[in-house]
Amino acid sequence: MHTKKEEFEIPFTEDLMREHGILNRILLIYEEIIKRITNSTEFPLELFEQAVAIIKSFIEDYHEKMEEEYIFPIFEKHKKEVRLVKTLKNQHTKGREITAQVQKLIQGPLDQKNKSVLKNLLQKFIRMYRPHEAREDTELFPLVRSLITEQEFKMLSEKFEDSEHELFGKTGFQTILKKVEDIEKELGIFNLEQFTPKFKE
């Protein structure tokens, strides 16, 4: 018989996909910044810095590190999806390089030239991470359970949960989600209905 806690535990593979939702929402924020640069519209630099900080701390230093330490080795050990894993690891490296460049860039004056460089960096980041996370969600994560025992799967789920709580507190994911929502609201992109296409009747 399952306890109430066990019934509502989120498997770590599902948790990783949920974290991809955070990544996708940051990519939407990046797209809004790109749009404002293209239209020569000012944007709140502090909000953008917060979004970049979430990418750095939550996606790169936590989410990706957990994939590299616990997920990718499973596939390398079983010689499954080796080429895909190699590409994913390389893309993690490239993503961190882009984030480092973005962080350095926004420390200086954001003149028109630097805004153009920033726009290009964000476009590269978005173009890489959309297919990156889609491949992990559709080709990698669904296979994990077939490569390890149920006991190992449960242990990894607990490990992922403990790491998240250690780094971001007991309500780690919800805290990060709230920060993202606040940025979306300030930029005017929180309301989901605004993305529904409208057609003339």
N, C-alpha and C. Protein backbone atom coordinates (compact mmCIF):
# COMPACT_ATOMS: atom_id res chain seq x y z
N MET A 1 0.84 -1.20 0.00
CA MET A 1 0.00 0.00 0.00
C MET A 1 0.87 1.25 0.00
N HIS A 2 0.57 2.19 -0.91
CA HIS A 2 1.38 3.39 -1.03
C HIS A 2 0.95 4.42 0.00
N THR A 3 1.95 5.14 0.53
CA THR A 3 1.63 6.26 1.40
C THR A 3 1.23 7.45 0.53
N LYS A 4 0.66 8.46 1.17
CA LYS A 4 0.25 9.65 0.43
C LYS A 4 1.44 10.30 -0.25
N LYS A 5 2.59 10.32 0.44
CA LYS A 5 3.80 10.93 -0.10
C LYS A 5 4.24 10.21 -1.37
N GLU A 6 4.23 8.88 -1.34
CA GLU A 6 4.68 8.09 -2.48
C GLU A 6 3.78 8.29 -3.70
N GLU A 7 2.49 8.45 -3.45
CA GLU A 7 1.53 8.62 -4.54
C GLU A 7 1.79 9.88 -5.35
N PHE A 8 2.32 10.91 -4.66
CA PHE A 8 2.51 12.19 -5.33
C PHE A 8 3.97 12.49 -5.66
N GLU A 9 4.86 11.50 -5.46
CA GLU A 9 6.25 11.69 -5.84
C GLU A 9 6.36 11.76 -7.36
N ILE A 10 7.18 12.68 -7.83
CA ILE A 10 7.37 12.83 -9.27
C ILE A 10 8.63 12.08 -9.68
N PRO A 11 8.54 11.10 -10.60
CA PRO A 11 9.73 10.40 -11.08
C PRO A 11 10.74 11.40 -11.64
N PHE A 12 12.03 11.11 -11.46
CA PHE A 12 13.03 12.10 -11.84
C PHE A 12 13.03 12.40 -13.35
N THR A 13 12.63 11.42 -14.17
CA THR A 13 12.56 11.69 -15.61
C THR A 13 11.45 12.70 -15.91
N GLU A 14 10.34 12.58 -15.20
CA GLU A 14 9.26 13.56 -15.37
C GLU A 14 9.68 14.92 -14.82
N ASP A 15 10.44 14.89 -13.74
CA ASP A 15 10.94 16.13 -13.15
C ASP A 15 11.86 16.86 -14.13
N LEU A 16 12.69 16.09 -14.84
CA LEU A 16 13.59 16.69 -15.84
C LEU A 16 12.78 17.35 -16.96
N MET A 17 11.69 16.71 -17.37
CA MET A 17 10.84 17.28 -18.41
C MET A 17 10.15 18.55 -17.90
N ARG A 18 9.77 18.54 -16.63
CA ARG A 18 9.15 19.72 -16.03
C ARG A 18 10.15 20.87 -15.99
N GLU A 19 11.39 20.55 -15.72
CA GLU A 19 12.44 21.58 -15.73
C GLU A 19 12.67 22.11 -17.14
N HIS A 20 12.44 21.27 -18.14
CA HIS A 20 12.50 21.74 -19.52
C HIS A 20 11.42 22.78 -19.78
N GLY A 21 10.31 22.67 -19.04
CA GLY A 21 9.26 23.68 -19.14
C GLY A 21 9.77 25.04 -18.68
N ILE A 22 10.58 25.05 -17.63
CA ILE A 22 11.21 26.29 -17.16
C ILE A 22 12.13 26.83 -18.24
N LEU A 23 12.94 25.94 -18.82
CA LEU A 23 13.84 26.36 -19.90
C LEU A 23 13.06 26.97 -21.05
N ASN A 24 11.97 26.32 -21.44
CA ASN A 24 11.17 26.82 -22.57
C ASN A 24 10.59 28.19 -22.28
N ARG A 25 10.18 28.42 -21.04
CA ARG A 25 9.62 29.71 -20.68
C ARG A 25 10.69 30.80 -20.67
N ILE A 26 11.93 30.42 -20.32
CA ILE A 26 13.03 31.39 -20.41
C ILE A 26 13.33 31.68 -21.88
N LEU A 27 13.24 30.66 -22.73
CA LEU A 27 13.46 30.89 -24.17
C LEU A 27 12.43 31.87 -24.72
N LEU A 28 11.22 31.80 -24.20
CA LEU A 28 10.17 32.75 -24.60
C LEU A 28 10.54 34.16 -24.15
N ILE A 29 11.11 34.27 -22.96
CA ILE A 29 11.59 35.57 -22.47
C ILE A 29 12.70 36.08 -23.37
N TYR A 30 13.62 35.17 -23.75
CA TYR A 30 14.71 35.55 -24.66
C TYR A 30 14.15 36.05 -25.99
N GLU A 31 13.10 35.39 -26.47
CA GLU A 31 12.48 35.81 -27.74
C GLU A 31 11.88 37.21 -27.62
N GLU A 32 11.32 37.52 -26.47
CA GLU A 32 10.78 38.86 -26.24
C GLU A 32 11.88 39.90 -26.25
N ILE A 33 13.03 39.57 -25.67
CA ILE A 33 14.17 40.49 -25.68
C ILE A 33 14.66 40.70 -27.11
N ILE A 34 14.74 39.61 -27.88
CA ILE A 34 15.14 39.71 -29.28
C ILE A 34 14.19 40.62 -30.05
N LYS A 35 12.89 40.45 -29.82
CA LYS A 35 11.89 41.27 -30.50
C LYS A 35 12.08 42.74 -30.16
N ARG A 36 12.35 43.03 -28.90
CA ARG A 36 12.53 44.43 -28.48
C ARG A 36 13.81 45.03 -29.05
N ILE A 37 14.85 44.23 -29.14
CA ILE A 37 16.09 44.72 -29.77
C ILE A 37 15.84 45.01 -31.25
N THR A 38 15.15 44.09 -31.92
CA THR A 38 14.84 44.26 -33.35
C THR A 38 14.01 45.51 -33.59
N ASN A 39 13.05 45.78 -32.69
CA ASN A 39 12.16 46.93 -32.84
C ASN A 39 12.71 48.20 -32.18
N SER A 40 13.96 48.12 -31.71
CA SER A 40 14.60 49.25 -31.02
C SER A 40 13.77 49.73 -29.84
N THR A 41 13.17 48.76 -29.13
CA THR A 41 12.37 49.05 -27.94
C THR A 41 13.20 48.73 -26.70
N GLU A 42 13.16 49.62 -25.73
CA GLU A 42 13.92 49.38 -24.51
C GLU A 42 13.33 48.20 -23.73
N PHE A 43 14.18 47.50 -23.02
CA PHE A 43 13.72 46.40 -22.17
C PHE A 43 14.39 46.52 -20.80
N PRO A 44 13.70 46.06 -19.74
CA PRO A 44 14.27 46.15 -18.39
C PRO A 44 15.47 45.21 -18.25
N LEU A 45 16.66 45.77 -18.19
CA LEU A 45 17.88 44.96 -18.12
C LEU A 45 17.90 44.08 -16.88
N GLU A 46 17.37 44.59 -15.77
CA GLU A 46 17.37 43.82 -14.53
C GLU A 46 16.56 42.53 -14.68
N LEU A 47 15.43 42.61 -15.38
CA LEU A 47 14.60 41.41 -15.61
C LEU A 47 15.34 40.40 -16.47
N PHE A 48 16.01 40.91 -17.50
CA PHE A 48 16.77 40.02 -18.38
C PHE A 48 17.90 39.34 -17.61
N GLU A 49 18.57 40.10 -16.75
CA GLU A 49 19.65 39.53 -15.94
C GLU A 49 19.12 38.41 -15.03
N GLN A 50 17.90 38.60 -14.51
CA GLN A 50 17.28 37.56 -13.67
C GLN A 50 17.03 36.29 -14.47
N ALA A 51 16.58 36.45 -15.71
CA ALA A 51 16.32 35.29 -16.58
C ALA A 51 17.62 34.54 -16.88
N VAL A 52 18.67 35.28 -17.17
CA VAL A 52 19.97 34.67 -17.45
C VAL A 52 20.50 33.95 -16.21
N ALA A 53 20.27 34.55 -15.04
CA ALA A 53 20.72 33.94 -13.78
C ALA A 53 20.02 32.61 -13.53
N ILE A 54 18.74 32.51 -13.92
CA ILE A 54 18.00 31.25 -13.76
C ILE A 54 18.57 30.18 -14.70
N ILE A 55 18.89 30.59 -15.92
CA ILE A 55 19.52 29.66 -16.86
C ILE A 55 20.83 29.15 -16.28
N LYS A 56 21.62 30.06 -15.72
CA LYS A 56 22.93 29.69 -15.17
C LYS A 56 22.80 28.76 -13.96
N SER A 57 21.99 29.16 -12.98
CA SER A 57 21.94 28.42 -11.72
C SER A 57 21.06 27.17 -11.79
N PHE A 58 19.88 27.31 -12.39
CA PHE A 58 18.92 26.20 -12.37
C PHE A 58 19.09 25.23 -13.53
N ILE A 59 19.32 25.77 -14.73
CA ILE A 59 19.45 24.89 -15.90
C ILE A 59 20.86 24.35 -16.06
N GLU A 60 21.85 25.23 -16.08
CA GLU A 60 23.22 24.78 -16.37
C GLU A 60 23.90 24.14 -15.16
N ASP A 61 23.86 24.84 -14.01
CA ASP A 61 24.61 24.35 -12.84
C ASP A 61 23.86 23.25 -12.08
N TYR A 62 22.58 23.08 -12.33
CA TYR A 62 21.83 22.02 -11.65
C TYR A 62 21.30 20.98 -12.64
N HIS A 63 20.32 21.36 -13.45
CA HIS A 63 19.65 20.43 -14.36
C HIS A 63 20.66 19.69 -15.26
N GLU A 64 21.49 20.43 -15.95
CA GLU A 64 22.44 19.80 -16.87
C GLU A 64 23.49 18.98 -16.14
N LYS A 65 23.94 19.47 -14.98
CA LYS A 65 24.94 18.73 -14.21
C LYS A 65 24.38 17.38 -13.76
N MET A 66 23.09 17.37 -13.39
CA MET A 66 22.46 16.11 -12.99
C MET A 66 22.35 15.15 -14.18
N GLU A 67 22.04 15.68 -15.34
CA GLU A 67 22.00 14.84 -16.54
C GLU A 67 23.38 14.24 -16.82
N GLU A 68 24.40 15.08 -16.71
CA GLU A 68 25.76 14.64 -17.02
C GLU A 68 26.29 13.65 -16.01
N GLU A 69 25.88 13.81 -14.77
CA GLU A 69 26.40 12.94 -13.72
C GLU A 69 25.63 11.63 -13.59
N TYR A 70 24.31 11.66 -13.88
CA TYR A 70 23.49 10.49 -13.60
C TYR A 70 22.77 9.89 -14.82
N ILE A 71 22.38 10.70 -15.79
CA ILE A 71 21.60 10.19 -16.93
C ILE A 71 22.51 9.70 -18.06
N PHE A 72 23.38 10.57 -18.52
CA PHE A 72 24.24 10.21 -19.66
C PHE A 72 25.08 8.97 -19.40
N PRO A 73 25.66 8.81 -18.18
CA PRO A 73 26.47 7.60 -17.93
C PRO A 73 25.68 6.29 -18.07
N ILE A 74 24.37 6.33 -17.80
CA ILE A 74 23.55 5.12 -17.96
C ILE A 74 23.59 4.66 -19.42
N PHE A 75 23.47 5.60 -20.33
CA PHE A 75 23.46 5.28 -21.76
C PHE A 75 24.86 4.90 -22.25
N GLU A 76 25.86 5.56 -21.73
CA GLU A 76 27.24 5.23 -22.11
C GLU A 76 27.60 3.83 -21.62
N LYS A 77 27.16 3.49 -20.42
CA LYS A 77 27.43 2.16 -19.86
C LYS A 77 26.80 1.06 -20.70
N HIS A 78 25.58 1.28 -21.17
CA HIS A 78 24.85 0.28 -21.95
C HIS A 78 25.06 0.43 -23.46
N LYS A 79 25.91 1.39 -23.82
CA LYS A 79 26.20 1.66 -25.23
C LYS A 79 24.91 1.92 -26.04
N LYS A 80 24.05 2.72 -25.46
CA LYS A 80 22.79 3.11 -26.10
C LYS A 80 22.81 4.61 -26.38
N GLU A 81 22.33 5.00 -27.55
CA GLU A 81 22.22 6.41 -27.92
C GLU A 81 23.53 7.17 -27.65
N VAL A 82 24.65 6.51 -27.92
CA VAL A 82 25.97 7.09 -27.61
C VAL A 82 26.22 8.38 -28.40
N ARG A 83 25.87 8.35 -29.68
CA ARG A 83 26.09 9.54 -30.51
C ARG A 83 25.23 10.70 -30.04
N LEU A 84 23.98 10.41 -29.69
CA LEU A 84 23.07 11.45 -29.21
C LEU A 84 23.60 12.06 -27.92
N VAL A 85 24.03 11.22 -27.00
CA VAL A 85 24.56 11.69 -25.72
C VAL A 85 25.78 12.58 -25.93
N LYS A 86 26.64 12.19 -26.84
CA LYS A 86 27.84 12.98 -27.14
C LYS A 86 27.46 14.37 -27.64
N THR A 87 26.46 14.42 -28.51
CA THR A 87 25.99 15.70 -29.04
C THR A 87 25.36 16.55 -27.94
N LEU A 88 24.56 15.92 -27.09
CA LEU A 88 23.91 16.64 -25.99
C LEU A 88 24.94 17.24 -25.04
N LYS A 89 25.98 16.47 -24.74
CA LYS A 89 27.03 16.96 -23.84
C LYS A 89 27.77 18.15 -24.46
N ASN A 90 28.03 18.05 -25.75
CA ASN A 90 28.70 19.15 -26.46
C ASN A 90 27.82 20.40 -26.46
N GLN A 91 26.52 20.20 -26.62
CA GLN A 91 25.61 21.34 -26.62
C GLN A 91 25.52 21.99 -25.24
N HIS A 92 25.62 21.20 -24.19
CA HIS A 92 25.68 21.77 -22.84
C HIS A 92 26.87 22.72 -22.74
N THR A 93 28.00 22.27 -23.24
CA THR A 93 29.22 23.09 -23.21
C THR A 93 29.02 24.39 -24.00
N LYS A 94 28.46 24.26 -25.20
CA LYS A 94 28.22 25.45 -26.03
C LYS A 94 27.23 26.40 -25.37
N GLY A 95 26.21 25.83 -24.73
CA GLY A 95 25.22 26.66 -24.04
C GLY A 95 25.85 27.47 -22.93
N ARG A 96 26.73 26.85 -22.16
CA ARG A 96 27.41 27.54 -21.07
C ARG A 96 28.33 28.64 -21.61
N GLU A 97 28.94 28.37 -22.75
CA GLU A 97 29.79 29.39 -23.37
C GLU A 97 28.96 30.61 -23.77
N ILE A 98 27.78 30.36 -24.34
CA ILE A 98 26.90 31.46 -24.75
C ILE A 98 26.45 32.24 -23.52
N THR A 99 26.04 31.55 -22.47
CA THR A 99 25.58 32.22 -21.26
C THR A 99 26.68 33.08 -20.66
N ALA A 100 27.91 32.55 -20.65
CA ALA A 100 29.06 33.32 -20.12
C ALA A 100 29.28 34.59 -20.94
N GLN A 101 29.15 34.46 -22.27
CA GLN A 101 29.31 35.63 -23.14
C GLN A 101 28.21 36.65 -22.89
N VAL A 102 26.98 36.16 -22.71
CA VAL A 102 25.84 37.05 -22.45
C VAL A 102 26.05 37.78 -21.13
N GLN A 103 26.46 37.06 -20.09
CA GLN A 103 26.67 37.68 -18.78
C GLN A 103 27.76 38.75 -18.84
N LYS A 104 28.80 38.47 -19.59
CA LYS A 104 29.89 39.44 -19.73
C LYS A 104 29.41 40.67 -20.51
N LEU A 105 28.63 40.42 -21.53
CA LEU A 105 28.15 41.50 -22.41
C LEU A 105 27.27 42.49 -21.66
N ILE A 106 26.37 41.98 -20.81
CA ILE A 106 25.42 42.88 -20.15
C ILE A 106 26.02 43.59 -18.93
N GLN A 107 27.28 43.31 -18.65
CA GLN A 107 27.96 44.06 -17.59
C GLN A 107 28.46 45.41 -18.12
N GLY A 108 28.61 45.51 -19.44
CA GLY A 108 29.08 46.75 -20.04
C GLY A 108 27.94 47.56 -20.63
N PRO A 109 28.27 48.63 -21.33
CA PRO A 109 27.22 49.45 -21.95
C PRO A 109 26.54 48.70 -23.10
N LEU A 110 25.21 48.69 -23.08
CA LEU A 110 24.48 48.00 -24.15
C LEU A 110 24.14 48.99 -25.26
N ASP A 111 25.18 49.33 -26.04
CA ASP A 111 24.95 50.20 -27.19
C ASP A 111 24.37 49.35 -28.33
N GLN A 112 24.13 49.97 -29.46
CA GLN A 112 23.49 49.28 -30.58
C GLN A 112 24.31 48.08 -31.05
N LYS A 113 25.62 48.24 -31.08
CA LYS A 113 26.50 47.15 -31.52
C LYS A 113 26.40 45.96 -30.57
N ASN A 114 26.46 46.23 -29.26
CA ASN A 114 26.39 45.15 -28.28
C ASN A 114 25.01 44.50 -28.24
N LYS A 115 23.97 45.29 -28.49
CA LYS A 115 22.62 44.73 -28.56
C LYS A 115 22.50 43.77 -29.73
N SER A 116 23.18 44.10 -30.84
CA SER A 116 23.17 43.23 -32.00
C SER A 116 23.88 41.91 -31.70
N VAL A 117 25.00 42.00 -30.97
CA VAL A 117 25.74 40.81 -30.57
C VAL A 117 24.89 39.97 -29.62
N LEU A 118 24.21 40.64 -28.68
CA LEU A 118 23.35 39.96 -27.72
C LEU A 118 22.22 39.22 -28.44
N LYS A 119 21.60 39.88 -29.38
CA LYS A 119 20.52 39.28 -30.16
C LYS A 119 20.99 38.01 -30.86
N ASN A 120 22.17 38.08 -31.45
CA ASN A 120 22.74 36.93 -32.16
C ASN A 120 23.01 35.76 -31.21
N LEU A 121 23.53 36.07 -30.02
CA LEU A 121 23.81 35.03 -29.02
C LEU A 121 22.52 34.35 -28.56
N LEU A 122 21.49 35.15 -28.31
CA LEU A 122 20.22 34.60 -27.84
C LEU A 122 19.57 33.74 -28.92
N GLN A 123 19.68 34.16 -30.17
CA GLN A 123 19.13 33.38 -31.28
C GLN A 123 19.82 32.02 -31.38
N LYS A 124 21.13 32.02 -31.21
CA LYS A 124 21.89 30.76 -31.24
C LYS A 124 21.47 29.84 -30.10
N PHE A 125 21.30 30.42 -28.93
CA PHE A 125 20.91 29.67 -27.74
C PHE A 125 19.55 29.01 -27.94
N ILE A 126 18.58 29.78 -28.42
CA ILE A 126 17.23 29.27 -28.65
C ILE A 126 17.22 28.19 -29.72
N ARG A 127 17.93 28.45 -30.81
CA ARG A 127 17.95 27.49 -31.92
C ARG A 127 18.54 26.15 -31.49
N MET A 128 19.51 26.17 -30.61
CA MET A 128 20.13 24.93 -30.15
C MET A 128 19.27 24.20 -29.12
N TYR A 129 18.71 24.95 -28.17
CA TYR A 129 18.05 24.29 -27.05
C TYR A 129 16.65 23.77 -27.35
N ARG A 130 15.95 24.33 -28.33
CA ARG A 130 14.63 23.79 -28.65
C ARG A 130 14.73 22.34 -29.12
N PRO A 131 15.56 22.03 -30.13
CA PRO A 131 15.69 20.62 -30.53
C PRO A 131 16.42 19.78 -29.47
N HIS A 132 17.33 20.42 -28.73
CA HIS A 132 18.08 19.70 -27.68
C HIS A 132 17.13 19.10 -26.65
N GLU A 133 16.27 19.92 -26.09
CA GLU A 133 15.36 19.41 -25.06
C GLU A 133 14.31 18.46 -25.65
N ALA A 134 13.92 18.71 -26.90
CA ALA A 134 12.94 17.83 -27.55
C ALA A 134 13.52 16.42 -27.72
N ARG A 135 14.79 16.32 -28.09
CA ARG A 135 15.42 15.01 -28.25
C ARG A 135 15.54 14.29 -26.91
N GLU A 136 15.89 15.04 -25.86
CA GLU A 136 15.99 14.42 -24.54
C GLU A 136 14.62 13.89 -24.09
N ASP A 137 13.57 14.70 -24.32
CA ASP A 137 12.22 14.32 -23.87
C ASP A 137 11.65 13.15 -24.64
N THR A 138 11.99 13.05 -25.93
CA THR A 138 11.36 12.02 -26.77
C THR A 138 12.23 10.79 -27.01
N GLU A 139 13.55 10.94 -26.94
CA GLU A 139 14.42 9.82 -27.27
C GLU A 139 15.26 9.30 -26.10
N LEU A 140 15.55 10.16 -25.13
CA LEU A 140 16.45 9.75 -24.06
C LEU A 140 15.71 9.38 -22.77
N PHE A 141 15.00 10.33 -22.21
CA PHE A 141 14.35 10.10 -20.92
C PHE A 141 13.39 8.91 -20.91
N PRO A 142 12.59 8.70 -21.98
CA PRO A 142 11.67 7.55 -21.96
C PRO A 142 12.38 6.19 -21.90
N LEU A 143 13.66 6.16 -22.25
CA LEU A 143 14.40 4.88 -22.27
C LEU A 143 15.07 4.56 -20.94
N VAL A 144 15.20 5.57 -20.08
CA VAL A 144 15.96 5.38 -18.84
C VAL A 144 15.46 4.19 -18.03
N ARG A 145 14.15 4.10 -17.90
CA ARG A 145 13.57 3.07 -17.04
C ARG A 145 13.88 1.65 -17.54
N SER A 146 14.09 1.51 -18.84
CA SER A 146 14.38 0.18 -19.40
C SER A 146 15.84 -0.23 -19.20
N LEU A 147 16.68 0.70 -18.76
CA LEU A 147 18.11 0.43 -18.63
C LEU A 147 18.57 0.25 -17.19
N ILE A 148 17.69 0.55 -16.23
CA ILE A 148 18.05 0.39 -14.82
C ILE A 148 16.92 -0.33 -14.08
N THR A 149 17.23 -0.82 -12.90
CA THR A 149 16.22 -1.52 -12.11
C THR A 149 15.27 -0.51 -11.47
N GLU A 150 14.11 -1.01 -11.00
CA GLU A 150 13.15 -0.13 -10.33
C GLU A 150 13.76 0.47 -9.07
N GLN A 151 14.59 -0.30 -8.39
CA GLN A 151 15.25 0.20 -7.18
C GLN A 151 16.21 1.34 -7.53
N GLU A 152 16.96 1.16 -8.60
CA GLU A 152 17.88 2.22 -9.03
C GLU A 152 17.11 3.46 -9.46
N PHE A 153 15.98 3.23 -10.12
CA PHE A 153 15.14 4.35 -10.57
C PHE A 153 14.63 5.14 -9.37
N LYS A 154 14.17 4.42 -8.35
CA LYS A 154 13.66 5.08 -7.14
C LYS A 154 14.77 5.84 -6.43
N MET A 155 15.95 5.24 -6.36
CA MET A 155 17.08 5.89 -5.70
C MET A 155 17.49 7.17 -6.41
N LEU A 156 17.45 7.12 -7.76
CA LEU A 156 17.79 8.32 -8.53
C LEU A 156 16.74 9.41 -8.34
N SER A 157 15.48 9.01 -8.26
CA SER A 157 14.41 9.99 -8.03
C SER A 157 14.63 10.70 -6.70
N GLU A 158 15.03 9.94 -5.68
CA GLU A 158 15.29 10.53 -4.37
C GLU A 158 16.53 11.42 -4.41
N LYS A 159 17.54 10.99 -5.15
CA LYS A 159 18.77 11.77 -5.28
C LYS A 159 18.48 13.12 -5.94
N PHE A 160 17.70 13.10 -7.02
CA PHE A 160 17.37 14.32 -7.73
C PHE A 160 16.58 15.27 -6.82
N GLU A 161 15.63 14.72 -6.09
CA GLU A 161 14.80 15.54 -5.20
C GLU A 161 15.65 16.15 -4.10
N ASP A 162 16.54 15.36 -3.51
CA ASP A 162 17.41 15.86 -2.44
C ASP A 162 18.32 16.97 -2.94
N SER A 163 18.86 16.81 -4.14
CA SER A 163 19.76 17.81 -4.71
C SER A 163 19.04 19.12 -4.97
N GLU A 164 17.81 19.00 -5.49
CA GLU A 164 17.01 20.20 -5.75
C GLU A 164 16.72 20.95 -4.46
N HIS A 165 16.33 20.22 -3.41
CA HIS A 165 16.02 20.85 -2.13
C HIS A 165 17.26 21.47 -1.50
N GLU A 166 18.40 20.80 -1.66
CA GLU A 166 19.65 21.30 -1.09
C GLU A 166 20.06 22.62 -1.74
N LEU A 167 19.87 22.71 -3.04
CA LEU A 167 20.31 23.90 -3.77
C LEU A 167 19.28 25.03 -3.76
N PHE A 168 17.99 24.67 -3.82
CA PHE A 168 16.96 25.70 -4.01
C PHE A 168 15.88 25.72 -2.93
N GLY A 169 16.04 24.90 -1.89
CA GLY A 169 15.06 24.88 -0.81
C GLY A 169 13.98 23.84 -1.05
N LYS A 170 13.14 23.63 -0.04
CA LYS A 170 12.10 22.60 -0.09
C LYS A 170 11.10 22.83 -1.22
N THR A 171 10.86 24.10 -1.55
CA THR A 171 9.93 24.42 -2.64
C THR A 171 10.72 24.93 -3.84
N GLY A 172 11.85 24.28 -4.10
CA GLY A 172 12.79 24.74 -5.12
C GLY A 172 12.17 25.03 -6.48
N PHE A 173 11.46 24.05 -7.03
CA PHE A 173 10.90 24.23 -8.36
C PHE A 173 9.87 25.35 -8.37
N GLN A 174 8.99 25.36 -7.37
CA GLN A 174 7.95 26.39 -7.30
C GLN A 174 8.56 27.79 -7.13
N THR A 175 9.66 27.87 -6.41
CA THR A 175 10.34 29.16 -6.23
C THR A 175 10.87 29.67 -7.56
N ILE A 176 11.51 28.78 -8.33
CA ILE A 176 12.04 29.16 -9.64
C ILE A 176 10.90 29.52 -10.58
N LEU A 177 9.83 28.72 -10.55
CA LEU A 177 8.67 28.99 -11.41
C LEU A 177 8.07 30.36 -11.12
N LYS A 178 7.97 30.73 -9.84
CA LYS A 178 7.42 32.03 -9.45
C LYS A 178 8.28 33.16 -10.00
N LYS A 179 9.60 32.99 -9.96
CA LYS A 179 10.51 34.01 -10.49
C LYS A 179 10.29 34.19 -11.99
N VAL A 180 10.13 33.07 -12.70
CA VAL A 180 9.89 33.13 -14.14
C VAL A 180 8.56 33.82 -14.43
N GLU A 181 7.53 33.46 -13.68
CA GLU A 181 6.21 34.08 -13.87
C GLU A 181 6.27 35.59 -13.65
N ASP A 182 7.01 36.01 -12.63
CA ASP A 182 7.13 37.44 -12.34
C ASP A 182 7.80 38.19 -13.51
N ILE A 183 8.81 37.58 -14.11
CA ILE A 183 9.48 38.19 -15.27
C ILE A 183 8.52 38.27 -16.44
N GLU A 184 7.79 37.18 -16.68
CA GLU A 184 6.81 37.15 -17.77
C GLU A 184 5.76 38.25 -17.60
N LYS A 185 5.28 38.43 -16.38
CA LYS A 185 4.27 39.46 -16.12
C LYS A 185 4.80 40.85 -16.39
N GLU A 186 6.04 41.10 -15.96
CA GLU A 186 6.65 42.42 -16.17
C GLU A 186 6.86 42.70 -17.66
N LEU A 187 7.15 41.66 -18.42
CA LEU A 187 7.38 41.83 -19.86
C LEU A 187 6.09 41.77 -20.67
N GLY A 188 4.97 41.45 -20.00
CA GLY A 188 3.68 41.38 -20.69
C GLY A 188 3.49 40.14 -21.53
N ILE A 189 4.13 39.02 -21.13
CA ILE A 189 4.01 37.78 -21.91
C ILE A 189 3.53 36.62 -21.05
N PHE A 190 2.88 36.93 -19.92
CA PHE A 190 2.42 35.88 -19.01
C PHE A 190 1.10 35.27 -19.44
N ASN A 191 0.20 36.07 -19.95
CA ASN A 191 -1.14 35.62 -20.32
C ASN A 191 -1.08 34.64 -21.50
N LEU A 192 -1.41 33.39 -21.24
CA LEU A 192 -1.31 32.35 -22.28
C LEU A 192 -2.23 32.63 -23.46
N GLU A 193 -3.38 33.24 -23.21
CA GLU A 193 -4.36 33.49 -24.27
C GLU A 193 -3.81 34.38 -25.38
N GLN A 194 -2.84 35.23 -25.05
CA GLN A 194 -2.32 36.15 -26.05
C GLN A 194 -1.56 35.43 -27.17
N PHE A 195 -1.21 34.18 -26.94
CA PHE A 195 -0.48 33.43 -27.96
C PHE A 195 -1.39 32.61 -28.85
N THR A 196 -2.69 32.66 -28.57
CA THR A 196 -3.65 31.96 -29.42
C THR A 196 -3.87 32.76 -30.69
N PRO A 197 -3.67 32.16 -31.88
CA PRO A 197 -3.86 32.91 -33.13
C PRO A 197 -5.30 33.33 -33.32
N LYS A 198 -5.48 34.51 -33.87
CA LYS A 198 -6.82 35.02 -34.14
C LYS A 198 -7.02 35.08 -35.64
N PHE A 199 -8.17 34.59 -36.10
CA PHE A 199 -8.47 34.59 -37.52
C PHE A 199 -9.73 35.40 -37.79
N LYS A 200 -9.73 36.09 -38.89
CA LYS A 200 -10.91 36.87 -39.27
C LYS A 200 -12.01 35.89 -39.70
N GLU A 201 -13.23 36.16 -39.24
CA GLU A 201 -14.35 35.27 -39.63
C GLU A 201 -14.94 35.71 -40.96
